[in-house]
Protein backbone atom coordinates (compact mmCIF):
# COMPACT_ATOMS: atom_id res chain seq x y z
CA UNK A 1 0.00 0.00 0.00
CA UNK A 2 1.31 3.43 -0.92
CA UNK A 3 2.43 5.41 2.12
CA UNK A 4 0.84 8.77 2.82
CA UNK A 5 2.62 11.61 4.56
CA UNK A 6 1.09 13.61 7.37
CA UNK A 7 2.56 16.43 9.43
CA UNK A 8 1.82 17.39 13.00
CA UNK A 9 2.58 20.72 14.65
CA UNK A 10 2.39 21.12 18.39
CA UNK A 11 3.12 23.74 20.99
CA UNK A 12 3.48 22.55 24.55
CA UNK A 13 3.93 23.91 28.05
CA UNK A 14 4.41 22.65 31.57
CA UNK A 15 1.73 20.91 33.62
CA UNK A 16 1.24 18.15 36.21
CA UNK A 17 4.39 17.78 38.31
CA UNK A 18 6.06 20.47 36.18
CA UNK A 19 3.38 23.12 36.75
CA UNK A 20 4.72 26.41 38.06
CA UNK A 21 2.67 28.66 40.28
CA UNK A 22 2.84 32.42 39.81
CA UNK A 23 2.60 34.84 42.69
CA UNK A 24 -0.94 35.38 43.96
CA UNK A 25 -2.70 38.53 42.84
CA UNK A 26 -5.94 40.37 43.44
CA UNK A 27 -8.74 40.26 40.90
CA UNK A 28 -11.58 42.72 40.74
CA UNK A 29 -15.06 41.45 41.45
CA UNK A 30 -17.05 40.38 38.42
CA UNK A 31 -20.81 40.44 38.05
CA UNK A 32 -22.37 36.98 38.18
CA UNK A 33 -23.28 35.56 34.81
CA UNK A 34 -27.02 35.43 34.32
CA UNK A 35 -28.69 32.12 35.15
CA UNK A 36 -28.93 30.10 31.95
CA UNK A 37 -31.37 27.47 33.29
CA UNK A 38 -33.59 27.15 36.34
CA UNK A 39 -31.03 24.73 37.77
CA UNK A 40 -27.83 26.74 37.46
CA UNK A 41 -26.43 30.01 38.74
CA UNK A 42 -22.98 30.65 37.26
CA UNK A 43 -21.52 33.15 39.73
CA UNK A 44 -18.00 34.47 39.29
CA UNK A 45 -15.54 33.74 42.08
CA UNK A 46 -15.31 36.38 44.76
CA UNK A 47 -12.34 38.73 44.76
CA UNK A 48 -9.53 37.15 46.74
CA UNK A 49 -5.92 36.09 46.49
CA UNK A 50 -5.87 33.50 43.78
CA UNK A 51 -3.16 31.33 42.28
CA UNK A 52 -2.29 31.65 38.61
CA UNK A 53 -0.74 28.70 36.80
CA UNK A 54 1.78 29.39 34.03
CA UNK A 55 2.97 27.14 31.22
CA UNK A 56 5.85 28.13 28.92
CA UNK A 57 5.17 27.23 25.29
CA UNK A 58 7.05 24.96 22.91
CA UNK A 59 6.61 23.95 19.27
CA UNK A 60 6.64 20.50 17.71
CA UNK A 61 6.52 19.51 14.06
CA UNK A 62 6.25 15.86 13.11
CA UNK A 63 5.67 13.95 9.93
CA UNK A 64 3.20 11.09 10.27
CA UNK A 65 3.58 8.23 7.81
CA UNK A 66 0.30 6.35 7.63
CA UNK A 67 0.97 2.84 6.35
CA UNK A 68 -2.19 1.02 7.45
CA UNK A 69 -5.40 2.02 9.26
CA UNK A 70 -4.65 2.67 12.94
CA UNK A 71 -0.91 2.25 12.25
CA UNK A 72 0.89 5.59 12.03
CA UNK A 73 4.51 6.53 12.73
CA UNK A 74 5.80 9.91 13.83
CA UNK A 75 8.86 11.53 12.28
CA UNK A 76 9.60 14.50 14.55
CA UNK A 77 11.20 17.42 12.74
CA UNK A 78 14.16 19.52 13.90
CA UNK A 79 12.16 22.66 14.69
CA UNK A 80 10.58 20.91 17.72
CA UNK A 81 11.13 21.91 21.35
CA UNK A 82 9.85 20.81 24.77
CA UNK A 83 7.87 17.98 23.21
CA UNK A 84 7.96 15.87 26.37
CA UNK A 85 6.98 18.65 28.78
CA UNK A 86 3.71 18.03 30.63
CA UNK A 87 0.79 20.13 29.40
CA UNK A 88 -2.86 20.49 30.43
CA UNK A 89 -5.19 18.78 27.96
CA UNK A 90 -8.23 20.95 28.71
CA UNK A 91 -10.88 20.81 25.97
CA UNK A 92 -8.65 18.85 23.62
CA UNK A 93 -9.97 15.93 25.67
CA UNK A 94 -13.16 16.35 23.65
CA UNK A 95 -11.28 14.97 20.63
CA UNK A 96 -10.87 11.65 22.42
CA UNK A 97 -14.50 11.85 23.53
CA UNK A 98 -15.60 12.33 19.92
CA UNK A 99 -13.33 9.50 18.75
CA UNK A 100 -15.02 7.04 21.11
CA UNK A 101 -18.47 8.24 20.01
CA UNK A 102 -17.46 7.79 16.35
CA UNK A 103 -16.32 4.29 17.23
CA UNK A 104 -19.75 3.56 18.76
CA UNK A 105 -21.40 4.91 15.60
CA UNK A 106 -19.19 2.68 13.45
CA UNK A 107 -20.14 -0.37 15.53
CA UNK A 108 -23.82 0.48 15.30
CA UNK A 109 -24.24 1.04 19.03
CA UNK A 110 -25.47 4.57 18.28
CA UNK A 111 -26.91 6.34 15.23
CA UNK A 112 -26.68 10.06 14.37
CA UNK A 113 -30.43 10.50 14.89
CA UNK A 114 -30.51 8.57 18.19
CA UNK A 115 -32.11 10.69 20.91
CA UNK A 116 -30.00 10.66 24.06
CA UNK A 117 -31.03 12.06 27.48
CA UNK A 118 -29.63 15.27 28.98
CA UNK A 119 -28.97 14.92 32.70
CA UNK A 120 -30.07 18.26 34.22
CA UNK A 121 -27.04 18.23 36.54
CA UNK A 122 -24.72 18.26 33.52
CA UNK A 123 -25.78 21.84 32.74
CA UNK A 124 -24.37 23.19 35.98
CA UNK A 125 -20.66 22.49 35.58
CA UNK A 126 -18.32 25.25 36.70
CA UNK A 127 -17.43 27.69 33.88
CA UNK A 128 -20.25 26.21 31.79
CA UNK A 129 -22.58 29.19 31.28
CA UNK A 130 -21.78 29.45 27.55
CA UNK A 131 -22.69 25.77 27.07
CA UNK A 132 -25.88 25.82 29.13
CA UNK A 133 -27.10 29.04 27.48
CA UNK A 134 -27.79 27.34 24.12
CA UNK A 135 -29.91 24.60 25.71
CA UNK A 136 -33.57 25.59 26.01
CA UNK A 137 -35.16 25.20 29.42
CA UNK A 138 -36.95 21.90 29.60
CA UNK A 139 -34.86 20.24 26.87
CA UNK A 140 -34.29 16.71 28.11
CA UNK A 141 -33.12 14.89 24.94
CA UNK A 142 -30.89 15.69 21.97
CA UNK A 143 -29.74 13.76 18.91
CA UNK A 144 -26.24 12.31 18.79
CA UNK A 145 -25.53 14.41 15.68
CA UNK A 146 -26.49 17.71 17.35
CA UNK A 147 -24.56 16.76 20.48
CA UNK A 148 -21.42 16.03 18.42
CA UNK A 149 -21.63 19.38 16.61
CA UNK A 150 -22.03 21.24 19.90
CA UNK A 151 -19.12 19.24 21.33
CA UNK A 152 -16.66 19.88 18.50
CA UNK A 153 -17.70 23.28 17.16
CA UNK A 154 -18.78 25.01 20.37
CA UNK A 155 -16.72 22.91 22.82
CA UNK A 156 -19.87 22.28 24.83
CA UNK A 157 -19.02 20.64 28.15
CA UNK A 158 -22.55 19.44 28.84
CA UNK A 159 -22.57 17.51 25.55
CA UNK A 160 -19.31 15.77 26.52
CA UNK A 161 -21.08 14.28 29.53
CA UNK A 162 -24.29 13.54 27.61
CA UNK A 163 -22.35 11.60 24.97
CA UNK A 164 -20.22 9.86 27.61
CA UNK A 165 -23.38 8.63 29.33
CA UNK A 166 -24.75 7.38 25.99
CA UNK A 167 -21.60 5.35 25.25
CA UNK A 168 -20.54 4.04 28.65
CA UNK A 169 -23.35 4.70 31.11
CA UNK A 170 -21.59 7.42 33.07
CA UNK A 171 -18.61 9.78 32.88
CA UNK A 172 -16.37 7.72 35.17
CA UNK A 173 -16.68 4.58 33.04
CA UNK A 174 -16.21 6.64 29.89
CA UNK A 175 -13.02 8.22 31.28
CA UNK A 176 -11.66 4.72 31.89
CA UNK A 177 -12.22 4.03 28.18
CA UNK A 178 -10.40 7.27 27.29
CA UNK A 179 -7.35 6.29 29.33
CA UNK A 180 -7.37 2.71 28.01
CA UNK A 181 -7.33 4.04 24.43
CA UNK A 182 -4.50 6.42 25.27
CA UNK A 183 -2.50 3.51 26.72
CA UNK A 184 -3.26 1.38 23.66
CA UNK A 185 -1.84 4.12 21.43
CA UNK A 186 1.32 4.39 23.54
CA UNK A 187 0.40 7.71 25.17
CA UNK A 188 2.20 6.76 28.37
CA UNK A 189 2.49 10.33 29.69
CA UNK A 190 -1.21 11.13 29.36
CA UNK A 191 -4.05 11.03 31.89
CA UNK A 192 -7.59 12.07 31.13
CA UNK A 193 -9.67 13.16 34.11
CA UNK A 194 -13.09 13.53 32.50
CA UNK A 195 -14.77 13.66 29.05
CA UNK A 196 -14.77 17.48 28.77
CA UNK A 197 -11.40 18.63 30.12
CA UNK A 198 -12.64 21.18 32.64
CA UNK A 199 -10.05 21.43 35.41
CA UNK A 200 -10.71 19.97 38.81
CA UNK A 201 -8.89 20.53 42.09
CA UNK A 202 -5.40 21.96 41.62
CA UNK A 203 -5.56 21.67 37.79
CA UNK A 204 -2.82 19.04 37.68
CA UNK A 205 -5.03 15.95 37.56
CA UNK A 206 -5.11 15.72 33.76
CA UNK A 207 -2.04 16.10 31.59
CA UNK A 208 -0.30 15.00 28.43
CA UNK A 209 2.69 15.95 26.28
CA UNK A 210 3.09 17.32 22.78
CA UNK A 211 4.50 13.97 21.69
CA UNK A 212 1.50 12.08 23.12
CA UNK A 213 -1.05 14.49 21.67
CA UNK A 214 0.65 14.22 18.29
CA UNK A 215 0.19 10.46 18.55
CA UNK A 216 -3.48 10.96 19.38
CA UNK A 217 -3.82 13.36 16.44
CA UNK A 218 -2.52 10.75 14.03
CA UNK A 219 -5.15 8.26 15.24
CA UNK A 220 -7.96 10.82 15.01
CA UNK A 221 -7.39 10.84 11.26
CA UNK A 222 -9.14 7.46 11.10
CA UNK A 223 -12.37 9.43 11.56
CA UNK A 224 -11.24 12.53 9.68
CA UNK A 225 -14.46 12.80 7.65
CA UNK A 226 -16.56 12.55 10.80
CA UNK A 227 -14.53 15.23 12.56
CA UNK A 228 -14.86 17.52 9.55
CA UNK A 229 -18.62 16.92 9.21
CA UNK A 230 -19.50 17.60 12.83
CA UNK A 231 -17.06 20.48 13.40
CA UNK A 232 -18.21 22.30 10.22
CA UNK A 233 -21.97 21.79 10.64
CA UNK A 234 -23.98 24.79 11.82
CA UNK A 235 -24.86 24.64 15.51
CA UNK A 236 -28.39 23.34 16.04
CA UNK A 237 -30.46 22.44 19.07
CA UNK A 238 -33.80 20.66 18.59
CA UNK A 239 -33.50 21.37 14.87
CA UNK A 240 -33.14 25.14 15.31
CA UNK A 241 -29.89 26.90 14.37
CA UNK A 242 -27.92 28.53 17.19
CA UNK A 243 -25.88 31.68 16.66
CA UNK A 244 -22.18 31.88 17.48
CA UNK A 245 -19.55 34.58 17.75
CA UNK A 246 -17.74 35.40 14.51
CA UNK A 247 -14.04 34.48 14.32
CA UNK A 248 -11.84 35.32 11.31
CA UNK A 249 -9.15 32.73 12.13
CA UNK A 250 -11.79 30.00 12.45
CA UNK A 251 -13.43 31.13 9.22
CA UNK A 252 -10.07 30.90 7.44
CA UNK A 253 -9.35 27.41 8.75
CA UNK A 254 -12.77 26.19 7.69
CA UNK A 255 -12.30 27.81 4.25
CA UNK A 256 -9.31 25.54 3.57
CA UNK A 257 -11.21 22.50 4.80
CA UNK A 258 -9.28 22.30 8.07
CA UNK A 259 -10.62 20.54 11.15
CA UNK A 260 -9.70 22.18 14.43
CA UNK A 261 -10.42 22.17 18.17
CA UNK A 262 -9.56 24.91 20.66
CA UNK A 263 -8.91 24.63 24.40
CA UNK A 264 -8.42 27.20 27.15
CA UNK A 265 -7.41 26.76 30.76
CA UNK A 266 -6.09 29.44 33.13
CA UNK A 267 -4.01 31.40 30.63
CA UNK A 268 -3.14 28.37 28.50
CA UNK A 269 -4.62 28.70 24.99
CA UNK A 270 -4.42 25.63 22.75
CA UNK A 271 -5.40 24.62 19.23
CA UNK A 272 -5.40 21.34 17.32
CA UNK A 273 -5.80 21.48 13.52
CA UNK A 274 -5.52 19.08 10.61
CA UNK A 275 -5.90 19.91 6.92
CA UNK A 276 -5.18 18.51 3.47
CA UNK A 277 -2.83 19.64 0.72
CA UNK A 278 -3.25 17.36 -2.25
CA UNK A 279 -2.48 13.81 -1.14
CA UNK A 280 -0.72 15.00 1.99
CA UNK A 281 -2.32 15.68 5.35
CA UNK A 282 -1.05 17.99 8.06
CA UNK A 283 -1.94 18.22 11.72
CA UNK A 284 -1.11 21.21 13.93
CA UNK A 285 -1.18 21.42 17.72
CA UNK A 286 -0.47 24.75 19.38
CA UNK A 287 -0.62 24.10 23.12
CA UNK A 288 -0.43 26.65 25.91
CA UNK A 289 0.22 29.62 23.67
CA UNK A 290 0.31 32.66 25.94
CA UNK A 291 -1.19 34.95 23.31
CA UNK A 292 -2.69 34.19 19.88
CA UNK A 293 -3.16 30.44 19.57
CA UNK A 294 -3.83 30.76 15.83
CA UNK A 295 -0.69 32.60 14.63
CA UNK A 296 1.78 29.73 14.34
CA UNK A 297 -0.85 27.36 12.96
CA UNK A 298 -2.13 29.75 10.29
CA UNK A 299 1.44 30.60 9.29
CA UNK A 300 2.11 26.88 8.87
CA UNK A 301 -1.09 26.38 6.86
CA UNK A 302 -0.09 29.24 4.54
CA UNK A 303 3.42 27.81 4.19
CA UNK A 304 2.14 24.35 3.25
CA UNK A 305 -0.50 25.64 0.83
CA UNK A 306 2.02 27.95 -0.84
CA UNK A 307 4.76 25.34 -1.10
CA UNK A 308 2.43 22.85 -2.78
CA UNK A 309 0.63 25.51 -4.83
CA UNK A 310 -2.58 23.62 -4.15
CA UNK A 311 -5.73 24.72 -2.37
CA UNK A 312 -7.87 22.12 -0.66
CA UNK A 313 -11.46 22.97 0.14
CA UNK A 314 -13.46 25.83 -1.28
CA UNK A 315 -12.21 28.85 -3.21
CA UNK A 316 -12.06 31.21 -0.18
CA UNK A 317 -8.79 29.43 0.67
CA UNK A 318 -7.00 31.89 -1.62
CA UNK A 319 -7.76 34.66 0.84
CA UNK A 320 -4.71 36.29 2.34
CA UNK A 321 -4.06 36.19 6.08
CA UNK A 322 -2.64 39.46 7.38
CA UNK A 323 -1.07 40.07 10.79
CA UNK A 324 -2.53 42.88 12.86
CA UNK A 325 -1.50 44.28 16.21
CA UNK A 326 -4.68 42.84 17.71
CA UNK A 327 -4.24 39.37 16.25
CA UNK A 328 -5.01 37.69 12.95
CA UNK A 329 -7.69 38.68 10.49
CA UNK A 330 -8.64 37.74 6.95
CA UNK A 331 -8.03 40.19 4.12
CA UNK A 332 -8.75 40.09 0.40
CA UNK A 333 -6.15 38.74 -2.03
CA UNK A 334 -3.49 41.20 -3.19
CA UNK A 335 -4.51 43.03 -6.38
CA UNK A 336 -1.30 41.80 -8.02
């Protein structure tokens, strides 16, 4: 079988035993977020001395040679750094959650139109107001397809638990499956704590490395079409479309057919992306970027597209990405 080349990019920081703790500081009081459901009141933490975790960033590039299904090898490139430093997984855990749901769909245990129950308690997770806000009061079931889109496109924490219950019965049993899969793939420096990646306790309970997450990324490609379908679909709940905040970097990545997942935890901003250039596939992981999580990834996407002189996806991929002082935005192609 002809080998196919893949590339992975990752940026990593320190976590778990290597977490560093910054000096405590005072934060101003914030107004409580409005109650999204009758069950939840998402109040901001009171002003007090609070600890701030910091994670220095690092970058990893690797070529993945896919020889057989579920059999990929990493060829780490020279521009890599800190690839074995411990990093928080945060919402990138939802990629493993989606993988296990896709596996259940493949086996026939679930179908996209299967209605699965929403446990009311799952709405009230800490830092979950944005996720609960899109769920109408009284909604007690949702289809697997809508739950997957909310999980991957919106990073909805409630849907991570709803899908975990549908696959394994409860979140604890599902997390066991996540860690067993990680071990099977050789991710020996990875520990998942739950299906959604929200931190618990001292924020060191779940961790991975750039090398391990690159390994996971290579395996996710087995369900590449599923990831693309559910991360590109418009957000819907009970058949009605849900609005979302505009994002130029996300629009650009979708315009080139890229699949991506963001994650944020206490100053650590992460991004996983994979995209196609002709017969080649590339995967980018920017973990614990202290500022713009998109910059390095979009630069790499532009580099690969330019070097191959091929555009994968729809015609908007020819749009130019310009760097601004406030981040990245899309601009029109140069007149020349």
